[in-house]
Amino acid sequence: MSPAGQQTVPAVTALSDPAAEAAIHAACRILQLPTIRDEAITMADAAVKQRLTHKAFLAEVLTAECDERDARRRLRRINEAKFPRTKRLTDFDTTLLPDLPQATLAHLAAGTWIDKGEPLVLLGDPGTGKTHLLIALGTAAAEQGRRVRYVTTAALANELVEAADDRQLSRVVARYARLDLLCLDEIGCAPRGAVLSRGREVSAAGPRRDRLKLETG
């Protein structure tokens, strides 16, 4: 037993480089640290050359694992959103919307309007980049960690019709209610009667009011 107030120093086992590498790989498999498993040896060699302290090296490998997990999480959110194609704000031709201030676009990209519960409707003539902006803003929201789903209005109406026929409407509505942002495209192309009818059923099923819709008209 160590004297009061003194911290016990854990025992350290001296391992050869091959044994240490094997121990790292085994531990990373158990702890599910794939990035450290793949990069630890290379980073250790670089740390020796740069004369990093043990603490600095540990910080580097843990940061690498966190960064990779964050990247995978962002990619998973984007895949779950089911966007039909890749569109980003950096690729958006702002000349299509000369009246859209850059400050407004930056505000929309930040996504604070989603957190505040403010819906957004994109209206304009064909060819003015509405769908591009819809997908790009949805992608930005997904990369920020929000749960996003893209769907055309006609596809959503059909899904709700089928769910109602199968008596699964509440389950489907509950799934959409868990989203942070619902991106509805081609709202002007959907049968108006179906949209209004199913819209009433969705309201009756009680979706959460703090979830957002991003629509194109």
Protein backbone atom coordinates (compact mmCIF):
# COMPACT_ATOMS: atom_id res chain seq x y z
CA MET A 1 0.00 0.00 0.00
CA SER A 2 1.38 3.41 -0.94
CA PRO A 3 1.65 6.17 1.67
CA ALA A 4 -1.30 8.55 1.86
CA GLY A 5 -1.19 11.27 -0.75
CA GLN A 6 1.21 9.42 -3.05
CA GLN A 7 0.03 8.12 -6.40
CA THR A 8 0.93 4.57 -7.33
CA VAL A 9 2.90 4.36 -10.57
CA PRO A 10 1.53 1.56 -12.78
CA ALA A 11 3.98 -1.14 -13.74
CA VAL A 12 5.31 -0.90 -17.29
CA THR A 13 6.36 -3.99 -19.21
CA ALA A 14 9.34 -3.63 -21.53
CA LEU A 15 8.38 -5.10 -24.92
CA SER A 16 10.36 -5.60 -28.07
CA ASP A 17 9.11 -3.69 -31.11
CA PRO A 18 7.45 -6.76 -32.70
CA ALA A 19 5.76 -7.65 -29.41
CA ALA A 20 4.62 -4.06 -28.92
CA GLU A 21 3.17 -3.91 -32.43
CA ALA A 22 1.29 -7.18 -31.87
CA ALA A 23 -0.05 -5.87 -28.53
CA ILE A 24 -1.19 -2.63 -30.18
CA HIS A 25 -3.05 -4.47 -32.93
CA ALA A 26 -4.69 -6.86 -30.46
CA ALA A 27 -5.77 -4.08 -28.10
CA CYS A 28 -7.12 -1.93 -30.95
CA ARG A 29 -9.23 -4.83 -32.20
CA ILE A 30 -10.72 -5.31 -28.74
CA LEU A 31 -11.28 -1.59 -28.19
CA GLN A 32 -12.47 -1.04 -31.78
CA LEU A 33 -9.88 1.58 -32.67
CA PRO A 34 -9.25 0.90 -36.38
CA THR A 35 -7.44 4.16 -37.13
CA ILE A 36 -4.95 3.72 -34.29
CA ARG A 37 -4.48 0.09 -35.34
CA ASP A 38 -3.61 1.15 -38.89
CA GLU A 39 -1.62 4.30 -38.15
CA ALA A 40 0.01 3.82 -34.74
CA ILE A 41 3.26 2.31 -35.98
CA THR A 42 3.78 4.93 -38.69
CA MET A 43 2.90 7.71 -36.24
CA ALA A 44 5.25 6.23 -33.64
CA ASP A 45 8.14 6.31 -36.10
CA ALA A 46 7.30 9.93 -36.97
CA ALA A 47 7.08 10.80 -33.26
CA VAL A 48 10.60 9.46 -32.70
CA LYS A 49 11.97 11.57 -35.55
CA GLN A 50 10.16 14.66 -34.25
CA ARG A 51 11.15 13.89 -30.65
CA LEU A 52 7.60 14.09 -29.37
CA THR A 53 6.93 13.37 -25.73
CA HIS A 54 4.88 10.33 -24.81
CA LYS A 55 1.94 12.58 -23.97
CA ALA A 56 2.17 14.39 -27.30
CA PHE A 57 2.29 11.07 -29.18
CA LEU A 58 -0.73 9.79 -27.26
CA ALA A 59 -2.60 12.99 -28.09
CA GLU A 60 -1.74 12.58 -31.79
CA VAL A 61 -3.02 9.01 -32.10
CA LEU A 62 -6.20 9.70 -30.13
CA THR A 63 -6.91 12.82 -32.19
CA ALA A 64 -6.42 10.80 -35.38
CA GLU A 65 -8.98 8.25 -34.18
CA CYS A 66 -11.47 10.97 -33.24
CA ASP A 67 -11.04 12.75 -36.58
CA GLU A 68 -11.58 9.53 -38.53
CA ARG A 69 -14.67 8.65 -36.51
CA ASP A 70 -16.06 12.11 -37.11
CA ALA A 71 -15.46 11.74 -40.86
CA ARG A 72 -17.19 8.35 -40.90
CA ARG A 73 -20.10 9.79 -38.93
CA ARG A 74 -20.52 12.63 -41.41
CA LEU A 75 -20.40 10.21 -44.33
CA ARG A 76 -22.97 7.96 -42.66
CA ARG A 77 -25.33 10.89 -42.14
CA ILE A 78 -25.00 11.84 -45.81
CA ASN A 79 -25.66 8.27 -46.95
CA GLU A 80 -28.68 8.00 -44.65
CA ALA A 81 -30.13 11.17 -46.20
CA LYS A 82 -30.45 9.36 -49.56
CA PHE A 83 -29.57 12.31 -51.76
CA PRO A 84 -29.95 11.38 -55.46
CA ARG A 85 -26.59 12.96 -56.34
CA THR A 86 -23.75 14.90 -54.79
CA LYS A 87 -24.24 18.65 -54.62
CA ARG A 88 -22.30 21.07 -52.43
CA LEU A 89 -22.52 24.77 -51.73
CA THR A 90 -18.97 25.26 -53.03
CA ASP A 91 -20.18 24.07 -56.45
CA PHE A 92 -23.30 26.24 -56.51
CA ASP A 93 -23.42 28.84 -59.29
CA THR A 94 -24.39 31.97 -57.39
CA THR A 95 -24.95 33.84 -60.67
CA LEU A 96 -28.18 31.86 -61.00
CA LEU A 97 -29.49 33.75 -57.97
CA PRO A 98 -27.87 37.20 -58.10
CA ASP A 99 -30.33 38.53 -55.52
CA LEU A 100 -29.21 35.99 -52.90
CA PRO A 101 -26.68 37.72 -50.61
CA GLN A 102 -23.59 35.74 -49.66
CA ALA A 103 -24.34 36.51 -46.01
CA THR A 104 -27.75 34.84 -46.35
CA LEU A 105 -26.23 31.78 -48.00
CA ALA A 106 -23.63 31.54 -45.24
CA HIS A 107 -26.39 31.82 -42.62
CA LEU A 108 -28.35 29.00 -44.27
CA ALA A 109 -25.21 26.84 -44.50
CA ALA A 110 -24.57 27.25 -40.75
CA GLY A 111 -27.90 25.56 -40.02
CA THR A 112 -28.92 27.69 -37.03
CA TRP A 113 -32.34 28.13 -38.65
CA ILE A 114 -32.82 24.37 -38.30
CA ASP A 115 -32.13 24.50 -34.57
CA LYS A 116 -34.57 27.40 -34.22
CA GLY A 117 -37.36 25.52 -36.00
CA GLU A 118 -37.55 27.88 -38.98
CA PRO A 119 -38.79 26.19 -42.21
CA LEU A 120 -37.31 27.16 -45.56
CA VAL A 121 -39.02 27.14 -48.96
CA LEU A 122 -37.00 27.59 -52.16
CA LEU A 123 -39.11 29.08 -54.97
CA GLY A 124 -38.02 29.98 -58.48
CA ASP A 125 -38.15 29.25 -62.17
CA PRO A 126 -36.77 25.99 -63.60
CA GLY A 127 -33.01 25.98 -63.97
CA THR A 128 -32.30 28.42 -61.15
CA GLY A 129 -30.56 25.84 -58.94
CA LYS A 130 -33.31 25.07 -56.43
CA THR A 131 -32.58 21.34 -56.25
CA HIS A 132 -28.83 21.96 -56.14
CA LEU A 133 -29.31 24.34 -53.21
CA LEU A 134 -31.73 21.92 -51.52
CA ILE A 135 -29.26 19.04 -51.66
CA ALA A 136 -26.28 21.24 -50.79
CA LEU A 137 -27.95 22.68 -47.70
CA GLY A 138 -29.14 19.21 -46.68
CA THR A 139 -25.62 17.86 -47.13
CA ALA A 140 -24.19 20.66 -44.99
CA ALA A 141 -26.74 19.87 -42.27
CA ALA A 142 -25.87 16.16 -42.40
CA GLU A 143 -22.14 16.91 -42.16
CA GLN A 144 -22.87 18.96 -39.06
CA GLY A 145 -24.31 15.83 -37.46
CA ARG A 146 -28.01 16.38 -38.10
CA ARG A 147 -30.38 13.63 -39.19
CA VAL A 148 -31.50 14.52 -42.70
CA ARG A 149 -33.66 12.84 -45.33
CA TYR A 150 -34.21 13.80 -48.97
CA VAL A 151 -37.39 12.73 -50.74
CA THR A 152 -39.50 14.02 -53.60
CA THR A 153 -42.96 15.14 -52.58
CA ALA A 154 -44.59 12.61 -54.92
CA ALA A 155 -42.53 9.76 -53.41
CA LEU A 156 -43.45 10.89 -49.90
CA ALA A 157 -47.15 11.05 -50.80
CA ASN A 158 -46.98 7.54 -52.27
CA GLU A 159 -45.14 6.24 -49.21
CA LEU A 160 -47.81 7.68 -46.92
CA VAL A 161 -50.61 6.24 -49.07
CA GLU A 162 -49.06 2.78 -48.93
CA ALA A 163 -48.40 3.09 -45.21
CA ALA A 164 -52.01 4.09 -44.58
CA ASP A 165 -53.26 1.16 -46.64
CA ASP A 166 -51.04 -1.18 -44.62
CA ARG A 167 -52.06 0.48 -41.35
CA GLN A 168 -48.46 1.54 -40.78
CA LEU A 169 -48.94 5.30 -41.09
CA SER A 170 -48.09 6.10 -37.48
CA ARG A 171 -44.86 4.11 -37.71
CA VAL A 172 -43.78 5.87 -40.92
CA VAL A 173 -44.66 9.31 -39.57
CA ALA A 174 -42.75 8.56 -36.36
CA ARG A 175 -39.68 7.69 -38.43
CA TYR A 176 -39.85 11.02 -40.26
CA ALA A 177 -40.48 12.83 -36.98
CA ARG A 178 -37.08 11.71 -35.70
CA LEU A 179 -35.36 13.71 -38.44
CA ASP A 180 -33.81 17.10 -37.85
CA LEU A 181 -34.39 18.15 -41.46
CA LEU A 182 -36.70 16.81 -44.17
CA CYS A 183 -35.76 17.96 -47.68
CA LEU A 184 -38.83 17.86 -49.93
CA ASP A 185 -38.09 18.25 -53.63
CA GLU A 186 -40.43 18.89 -56.57
CA ILE A 187 -43.35 19.92 -54.43
CA GLY A 188 -45.02 21.47 -57.46
CA CYS A 189 -44.93 18.15 -59.35
CA ALA A 190 -46.87 16.10 -56.80
CA PRO A 191 -50.63 15.48 -57.13
CA ARG A 192 -52.16 18.22 -55.03
CA GLY A 193 -55.03 16.07 -53.78
CA ALA A 194 -52.68 13.37 -52.52
CA VAL A 195 -50.41 15.90 -50.80
CA LEU A 196 -53.29 17.63 -49.02
CA SER A 197 -55.00 14.39 -48.05
CA ARG A 198 -51.88 12.77 -46.65
CA GLY A 199 -50.79 16.02 -45.08
CA ARG A 200 -53.94 15.98 -42.96
CA GLU A 201 -53.19 12.39 -41.94
CA VAL A 202 -49.63 13.30 -40.99
CA SER A 203 -50.92 16.18 -38.86
CA ALA A 204 -53.43 13.89 -37.21
CA ALA A 205 -50.66 11.40 -36.44
CA GLY A 206 -48.85 14.13 -34.52
CA PRO A 207 -45.34 14.71 -35.94
CA ARG A 208 -42.97 16.68 -33.75
CA ARG A 209 -43.34 20.40 -34.32
CA ASP A 210 -39.65 21.16 -33.91
CA ARG A 211 -38.65 19.24 -37.05
CA LEU A 212 -37.93 21.19 -40.19
CA LYS A 213 -38.92 21.03 -43.81
CA LEU A 214 -36.74 22.35 -46.60
CA GLU A 215 -38.85 22.47 -49.75
CA THR A 216 -38.45 23.39 -53.40
CA GLY A 217 -41.39 24.63 -55.38
